[in-house]
């Protein structure tokens, strides 16, 4: 799973992985004052974002008034840049056949059916 998106992973596992990565980056130890944790006595939002330029996960703290709204574009999909070639390959395989493509397929099927009929009508030499 890419690290810049949580996907279907539960939040506890995801944020625990982030804390572990931060602790390792800091030499194996990450220190947080208990008073800082105890000061979190109001509603707040933790935003996670991804900076594709730097390739970094960005964590932001929001106030008690912050809200999160996700707006999905109509009739569009977000495609990760590294998957554009895979998507292009899938689209070529999943293309809707044109009328001429269908006519060629049908002609080929009819040819094979006629060949089968002819081979069944051809007398076989007797076996001894």
N, C-alpha and C. Protein backbone atom coordinates (compact mmCIF):
# COMPACT_ATOMS: atom_id res chain seq x y z
N UNK A 1 0.84 -1.18 0.00
CA UNK A 1 0.00 0.00 0.00
C UNK A 1 0.89 1.24 0.00
N UNK A 2 0.56 2.23 -0.83
CA UNK A 2 1.38 3.45 -0.83
C UNK A 2 1.25 4.18 0.50
N UNK A 3 2.33 4.78 0.94
CA UNK A 3 2.33 5.42 2.25
C UNK A 3 1.62 6.76 2.26
N UNK A 4 1.34 7.32 1.08
CA UNK A 4 0.70 8.64 1.08
C UNK A 4 -0.82 8.57 1.18
N UNK A 5 -1.37 7.39 1.27
CA UNK A 5 -2.81 7.26 1.44
C UNK A 5 -3.09 6.13 2.42
N UNK A 6 -4.11 6.32 3.25
CA UNK A 6 -4.45 5.30 4.25
C UNK A 6 -5.20 4.15 3.61
N UNK A 7 -5.96 4.44 2.55
CA UNK A 7 -6.75 3.39 1.90
C UNK A 7 -7.74 2.79 2.87
N UNK A 8 -7.79 1.47 2.94
CA UNK A 8 -8.73 0.78 3.83
C UNK A 8 -8.10 0.40 5.16
N UNK A 9 -6.85 0.81 5.35
CA UNK A 9 -6.15 0.51 6.60
C UNK A 9 -6.79 1.30 7.73
N UNK A 10 -6.94 0.67 8.90
CA UNK A 10 -7.58 1.38 10.01
C UNK A 10 -6.68 2.51 10.49
N UNK A 11 -7.28 3.60 10.98
CA UNK A 11 -6.50 4.78 11.35
C UNK A 11 -5.43 4.50 12.41
N UNK A 12 -5.72 3.66 13.39
CA UNK A 12 -4.75 3.37 14.45
C UNK A 12 -3.47 2.77 13.86
N UNK A 13 -3.61 1.78 12.98
CA UNK A 13 -2.43 1.17 12.35
C UNK A 13 -1.67 2.17 11.50
N UNK A 14 -2.40 2.98 10.74
CA UNK A 14 -1.77 3.96 9.85
C UNK A 14 -0.97 4.99 10.63
N UNK A 15 -1.59 5.59 11.64
CA UNK A 15 -0.90 6.62 12.40
C UNK A 15 0.20 6.03 13.29
N UNK A 16 0.07 4.78 13.68
CA UNK A 16 1.15 4.12 14.42
C UNK A 16 2.36 3.95 13.52
N UNK A 17 2.14 3.59 12.25
CA UNK A 17 3.24 3.49 11.29
C UNK A 17 3.93 4.83 11.09
N UNK A 18 3.13 5.92 11.05
CA UNK A 18 3.70 7.26 10.90
C UNK A 18 4.57 7.59 12.11
N UNK A 19 4.07 7.30 13.32
CA UNK A 19 4.86 7.57 14.53
C UNK A 19 6.15 6.76 14.55
N UNK A 20 6.07 5.51 14.12
CA UNK A 20 7.26 4.67 14.07
C UNK A 20 8.29 5.24 13.08
N UNK A 21 7.82 5.69 11.92
CA UNK A 21 8.73 6.29 10.92
C UNK A 21 9.38 7.55 11.48
N UNK A 22 8.60 8.37 12.19
CA UNK A 22 9.16 9.59 12.79
C UNK A 22 10.19 9.25 13.86
N UNK A 23 9.88 8.26 14.69
CA UNK A 23 10.82 7.86 15.75
C UNK A 23 12.12 7.32 15.15
N UNK A 24 12.02 6.52 14.11
CA UNK A 24 13.23 6.00 13.47
C UNK A 24 14.06 7.11 12.84
N UNK A 25 13.38 8.07 12.22
CA UNK A 25 14.08 9.19 11.59
C UNK A 25 14.84 10.03 12.63
N UNK A 26 14.27 10.10 13.84
CA UNK A 26 14.90 10.87 14.92
C UNK A 26 15.89 10.05 15.72
N UNK A 27 16.35 8.95 15.17
CA UNK A 27 17.35 8.14 15.84
C UNK A 27 16.76 7.08 16.75
N UNK A 28 15.50 6.75 16.57
CA UNK A 28 14.89 5.67 17.35
C UNK A 28 14.08 6.15 18.54
N UNK A 29 14.00 7.46 18.71
CA UNK A 29 13.28 7.98 19.87
C UNK A 29 12.54 9.26 19.50
N UNK A 30 11.29 9.34 19.89
CA UNK A 30 10.47 10.52 19.64
C UNK A 30 9.90 10.93 20.99
N UNK A 31 10.19 12.14 21.41
CA UNK A 31 9.76 12.60 22.74
C UNK A 31 8.64 13.62 22.60
N UNK A 32 7.58 13.39 23.37
CA UNK A 32 6.43 14.30 23.41
C UNK A 32 6.15 14.57 24.88
N UNK A 33 6.07 15.84 25.25
CA UNK A 33 5.79 16.18 26.65
C UNK A 33 4.36 15.78 26.99
N UNK A 34 4.19 15.19 28.15
CA UNK A 34 2.85 14.79 28.61
C UNK A 34 1.95 16.00 28.75
N UNK A 35 2.52 17.14 29.12
CA UNK A 35 1.71 18.35 29.26
C UNK A 35 1.12 18.77 27.91
N UNK A 36 1.85 18.51 26.80
CA UNK A 36 1.32 18.81 25.47
C UNK A 36 0.12 17.93 25.15
N UNK A 37 0.20 16.67 25.55
CA UNK A 37 -0.92 15.74 25.31
C UNK A 37 -2.10 16.12 26.20
N UNK A 38 -1.82 16.45 27.46
CA UNK A 38 -2.89 16.82 28.39
C UNK A 38 -3.58 18.12 27.98
N UNK A 39 -2.88 18.97 27.23
CA UNK A 39 -3.46 20.24 26.79
C UNK A 39 -4.48 20.05 25.67
N UNK A 40 -4.54 18.85 25.12
CA UNK A 40 -5.52 18.57 24.06
C UNK A 40 -6.87 18.23 24.69
N UNK A 41 -7.54 19.24 25.22
CA UNK A 41 -8.80 18.99 25.90
C UNK A 41 -9.99 19.56 25.14
N UNK A 42 -9.78 19.98 23.89
CA UNK A 42 -10.86 20.48 23.04
C UNK A 42 -10.90 19.67 21.76
N UNK A 43 -12.02 19.79 21.09
CA UNK A 43 -12.16 19.14 19.78
C UNK A 43 -11.12 19.73 18.84
N UNK A 44 -10.48 18.89 18.04
CA UNK A 44 -9.49 19.35 17.07
C UNK A 44 -9.48 18.36 15.91
N UNK A 45 -8.88 18.78 14.81
CA UNK A 45 -8.79 17.92 13.63
C UNK A 45 -7.33 17.76 13.26
N UNK A 46 -6.97 16.54 12.91
CA UNK A 46 -5.64 16.27 12.39
C UNK A 46 -5.80 15.99 10.89
N UNK A 47 -5.22 16.83 10.08
CA UNK A 47 -5.29 16.67 8.63
C UNK A 47 -4.07 15.87 8.17
N UNK A 48 -4.27 14.99 7.25
CA UNK A 48 -3.14 14.36 6.57
C UNK A 48 -3.23 14.74 5.11
N UNK A 49 -2.12 15.10 4.56
CA UNK A 49 -2.05 15.51 3.17
C UNK A 49 -0.77 14.93 2.58
N UNK A 50 -0.63 15.03 1.29
CA UNK A 50 0.56 14.51 0.62
C UNK A 50 1.11 15.60 -0.29
N UNK A 51 2.39 15.86 -0.19
CA UNK A 51 3.07 16.82 -1.04
C UNK A 51 3.81 16.05 -2.13
N UNK A 52 3.26 15.99 -3.35
CA UNK A 52 3.88 15.19 -4.41
C UNK A 52 5.22 15.75 -4.87
N UNK A 53 5.46 17.03 -4.67
CA UNK A 53 6.72 17.64 -5.09
C UNK A 53 7.86 17.12 -4.22
N UNK A 54 7.64 17.13 -2.88
CA UNK A 54 8.70 16.67 -1.97
C UNK A 54 8.58 15.19 -1.64
N UNK A 55 7.43 14.58 -1.97
CA UNK A 55 7.21 13.17 -1.66
C UNK A 55 7.02 12.92 -0.17
N UNK A 56 6.48 13.93 0.53
CA UNK A 56 6.33 13.84 1.97
C UNK A 56 4.87 13.83 2.38
N UNK A 57 4.60 13.10 3.44
CA UNK A 57 3.30 13.13 4.08
C UNK A 57 3.28 14.37 4.97
N UNK A 58 2.19 15.14 4.93
CA UNK A 58 2.08 16.38 5.69
C UNK A 58 0.97 16.22 6.72
N UNK A 59 1.30 16.45 7.99
CA UNK A 59 0.32 16.41 9.08
C UNK A 59 0.08 17.84 9.53
N UNK A 60 -1.20 18.23 9.63
CA UNK A 60 -1.56 19.58 10.06
C UNK A 60 -2.61 19.48 11.17
N UNK A 61 -2.49 20.36 12.13
CA UNK A 61 -3.46 20.42 13.22
C UNK A 61 -4.47 21.52 12.91
N UNK A 62 -5.75 21.21 13.10
CA UNK A 62 -6.81 22.19 12.91
C UNK A 62 -7.44 22.54 14.26
N UNK A 63 -8.08 23.69 14.32
CA UNK A 63 -8.68 24.15 15.57
C UNK A 63 -10.00 23.42 15.84
N UNK A 64 -10.62 23.80 16.94
CA UNK A 64 -11.91 23.20 17.30
C UNK A 64 -13.00 23.57 16.31
N UNK A 65 -12.77 24.59 15.49
CA UNK A 65 -13.78 25.03 14.53
C UNK A 65 -13.55 24.45 13.13
N UNK A 66 -12.49 23.71 12.98
CA UNK A 66 -12.15 23.16 11.66
C UNK A 66 -13.15 22.08 11.26
N UNK A 67 -13.39 21.98 9.98
CA UNK A 67 -14.24 20.92 9.42
C UNK A 67 -13.53 20.33 8.22
N UNK A 68 -13.85 19.10 7.95
CA UNK A 68 -13.26 18.43 6.80
C UNK A 68 -14.39 18.11 5.83
N UNK A 69 -14.27 18.59 4.61
CA UNK A 69 -15.25 18.29 3.58
C UNK A 69 -14.51 17.74 2.37
N UNK A 70 -14.94 16.59 1.91
CA UNK A 70 -14.31 15.98 0.74
C UNK A 70 -15.22 16.21 -0.45
N UNK A 71 -14.68 16.81 -1.49
CA UNK A 71 -15.45 17.07 -2.70
C UNK A 71 -14.86 16.23 -3.82
N UNK A 72 -15.64 15.31 -4.35
CA UNK A 72 -15.20 14.47 -5.47
C UNK A 72 -15.67 15.10 -6.77
N UNK A 73 -14.80 15.17 -7.77
CA UNK A 73 -15.22 15.74 -9.06
C UNK A 73 -16.23 14.83 -9.74
N UNK A 74 -17.13 15.44 -10.49
CA UNK A 74 -18.12 14.65 -11.20
C UNK A 74 -17.49 14.01 -12.43
N UNK A 75 -17.79 12.75 -12.65
CA UNK A 75 -17.37 12.00 -13.84
C UNK A 75 -15.87 12.07 -14.07
N UNK A 76 -15.09 12.02 -13.00
CA UNK A 76 -13.63 12.02 -13.15
C UNK A 76 -13.03 11.16 -12.06
N UNK A 77 -11.91 10.53 -12.38
CA UNK A 77 -11.20 9.72 -11.40
C UNK A 77 -9.84 10.31 -11.18
N UNK A 78 -9.38 10.23 -9.93
CA UNK A 78 -8.02 10.64 -9.63
C UNK A 78 -7.12 9.49 -9.99
N UNK A 79 -6.10 9.74 -10.77
CA UNK A 79 -5.18 8.70 -11.19
C UNK A 79 -3.79 9.08 -10.68
N UNK A 80 -3.20 8.17 -9.96
CA UNK A 80 -1.84 8.42 -9.49
C UNK A 80 -0.91 8.52 -10.69
N UNK A 81 0.00 9.48 -10.70
CA UNK A 81 0.88 9.67 -11.86
C UNK A 81 1.66 8.43 -12.26
N UNK A 82 2.09 7.63 -11.30
CA UNK A 82 2.89 6.45 -11.64
C UNK A 82 2.05 5.34 -12.27
N UNK A 83 0.75 5.47 -12.24
CA UNK A 83 -0.12 4.44 -12.81
C UNK A 83 -0.72 4.83 -14.15
N UNK A 84 -0.33 5.92 -14.72
CA UNK A 84 -0.94 6.35 -15.99
C UNK A 84 -0.67 5.36 -17.11
N UNK A 85 0.52 4.76 -17.14
CA UNK A 85 0.82 3.77 -18.18
C UNK A 85 -0.04 2.53 -18.00
N UNK A 86 -0.24 2.08 -16.76
CA UNK A 86 -1.10 0.92 -16.51
C UNK A 86 -2.53 1.22 -16.94
N UNK A 87 -3.01 2.43 -16.62
CA UNK A 87 -4.37 2.80 -16.99
C UNK A 87 -4.53 2.84 -18.51
N UNK A 88 -3.52 3.37 -19.19
CA UNK A 88 -3.58 3.43 -20.66
C UNK A 88 -3.63 2.03 -21.25
N UNK A 89 -2.87 1.10 -20.68
CA UNK A 89 -2.88 -0.28 -21.16
C UNK A 89 -4.24 -0.92 -20.94
N UNK A 90 -4.84 -0.67 -19.77
CA UNK A 90 -6.16 -1.23 -19.47
C UNK A 90 -7.21 -0.67 -20.42
N UNK A 91 -7.13 0.64 -20.70
CA UNK A 91 -8.11 1.24 -21.58
C UNK A 91 -8.05 0.65 -22.98
N UNK A 92 -6.83 0.35 -23.47
CA UNK A 92 -6.73 -0.21 -24.81
C UNK A 92 -7.32 -1.62 -24.84
N UNK A 93 -7.20 -2.37 -23.74
CA UNK A 93 -7.78 -3.71 -23.70
C UNK A 93 -9.29 -3.67 -23.54
N UNK A 94 -9.77 -2.62 -22.92
CA UNK A 94 -11.19 -2.54 -22.62
C UNK A 94 -11.95 -1.65 -23.60
N UNK A 95 -11.36 -1.36 -24.75
CA UNK A 95 -11.99 -0.48 -25.73
C UNK A 95 -13.25 -1.15 -26.30
N UNK A 96 -14.25 -0.36 -26.56
CA UNK A 96 -15.49 -0.85 -27.15
C UNK A 96 -15.23 -1.09 -28.64
N UNK A 97 -15.54 -2.30 -29.13
CA UNK A 97 -15.28 -2.57 -30.55
C UNK A 97 -16.19 -1.74 -31.46
N UNK A 98 -15.63 -1.34 -32.60
CA UNK A 98 -16.40 -0.59 -33.59
C UNK A 98 -17.25 -1.57 -34.40
N UNK A 99 -18.12 -1.03 -35.25
CA UNK A 99 -18.96 -1.87 -36.10
C UNK A 99 -18.11 -2.74 -37.03
N UNK A 100 -17.04 -2.17 -37.57
CA UNK A 100 -16.18 -2.95 -38.47
C UNK A 100 -15.47 -4.07 -37.70
N UNK A 101 -15.06 -3.79 -36.43
CA UNK A 101 -14.45 -4.84 -35.60
C UNK A 101 -15.44 -5.98 -35.38
N UNK A 102 -16.67 -5.62 -35.05
CA UNK A 102 -17.70 -6.64 -34.82
C UNK A 102 -17.99 -7.44 -36.09
N UNK A 103 -17.99 -6.76 -37.25
CA UNK A 103 -18.23 -7.45 -38.51
C UNK A 103 -17.11 -8.46 -38.79
N UNK A 104 -15.86 -8.09 -38.50
CA UNK A 104 -14.74 -9.02 -38.68
C UNK A 104 -14.85 -10.22 -37.75
N UNK A 105 -15.23 -9.97 -36.52
CA UNK A 105 -15.39 -11.06 -35.56
C UNK A 105 -16.49 -12.01 -36.02
N UNK A 106 -17.61 -11.44 -36.45
CA UNK A 106 -18.72 -12.26 -36.92
C UNK A 106 -18.33 -13.07 -38.15
N UNK A 107 -17.62 -12.47 -39.09
CA UNK A 107 -17.18 -13.19 -40.30
C UNK A 107 -16.26 -14.34 -39.92
N UNK A 108 -15.36 -14.12 -38.99
CA UNK A 108 -14.47 -15.18 -38.53
C UNK A 108 -15.22 -16.33 -37.88
N UNK A 109 -16.22 -16.00 -37.07
CA UNK A 109 -17.03 -17.05 -36.42
C UNK A 109 -17.82 -17.85 -37.45
N UNK A 110 -18.37 -17.17 -38.45
CA UNK A 110 -19.12 -17.86 -39.51
C UNK A 110 -18.19 -18.78 -40.32
N UNK A 111 -16.96 -18.30 -40.63
CA UNK A 111 -16.00 -19.13 -41.35
C UNK A 111 -15.68 -20.41 -40.58
N UNK A 112 -15.43 -20.27 -39.28
CA UNK A 112 -15.11 -21.44 -38.46
C UNK A 112 -16.29 -22.41 -38.39
N UNK A 113 -17.49 -21.86 -38.30
CA UNK A 113 -18.67 -22.73 -38.24
C UNK A 113 -18.84 -23.49 -39.56
N UNK A 114 -18.61 -22.83 -40.68
CA UNK A 114 -18.71 -23.50 -41.98
C UNK A 114 -17.64 -24.57 -42.12
N UNK A 115 -16.42 -24.30 -41.65
CA UNK A 115 -15.35 -25.30 -41.72
C UNK A 115 -15.70 -26.52 -40.89
N UNK A 116 -16.30 -26.29 -39.72
CA UNK A 116 -16.70 -27.43 -38.87
C UNK A 116 -17.78 -28.27 -39.55
N UNK A 117 -18.74 -27.58 -40.16
CA UNK A 117 -19.81 -28.31 -40.85
C UNK A 117 -19.24 -29.13 -42.00
N UNK A 118 -18.32 -28.56 -42.77
CA UNK A 118 -17.72 -29.26 -43.89
C UNK A 118 -16.91 -30.46 -43.42
N UNK A 119 -16.19 -30.31 -42.33
CA UNK A 119 -15.38 -31.42 -41.83
C UNK A 119 -16.28 -32.54 -41.31
N UNK A 120 -17.46 -32.21 -40.81
CA UNK A 120 -18.37 -33.25 -40.32
C UNK A 120 -19.06 -33.96 -41.48
N UNK A 121 -19.26 -33.27 -42.61
CA UNK A 121 -19.92 -33.87 -43.76
C UNK A 121 -18.95 -34.65 -44.64
N UNK A 122 -17.67 -34.49 -44.49
CA UNK A 122 -16.67 -35.20 -45.28
C UNK A 122 -16.59 -36.64 -44.79
N UNK A 123 -16.74 -37.61 -45.73
CA UNK A 123 -16.66 -39.01 -45.28
C UNK A 123 -15.24 -39.34 -44.81
N UNK A 124 -15.20 -40.08 -43.74
CA UNK A 124 -13.89 -40.47 -43.18
C UNK A 124 -13.50 -41.84 -43.73
N UNK A 125 -12.22 -42.05 -43.91
CA UNK A 125 -11.81 -43.37 -44.39
C UNK A 125 -12.06 -44.42 -43.31
N UNK A 126 -12.45 -45.62 -43.72
CA UNK A 126 -12.74 -46.67 -42.72
C UNK A 126 -11.47 -47.05 -41.96
N UNK A 127 -11.66 -47.30 -40.70
CA UNK A 127 -10.54 -47.75 -39.87
C UNK A 127 -10.49 -49.25 -39.86
N UNK A 128 -9.28 -49.82 -39.85
CA UNK A 128 -9.19 -51.28 -39.88
C UNK A 128 -8.69 -51.84 -38.60
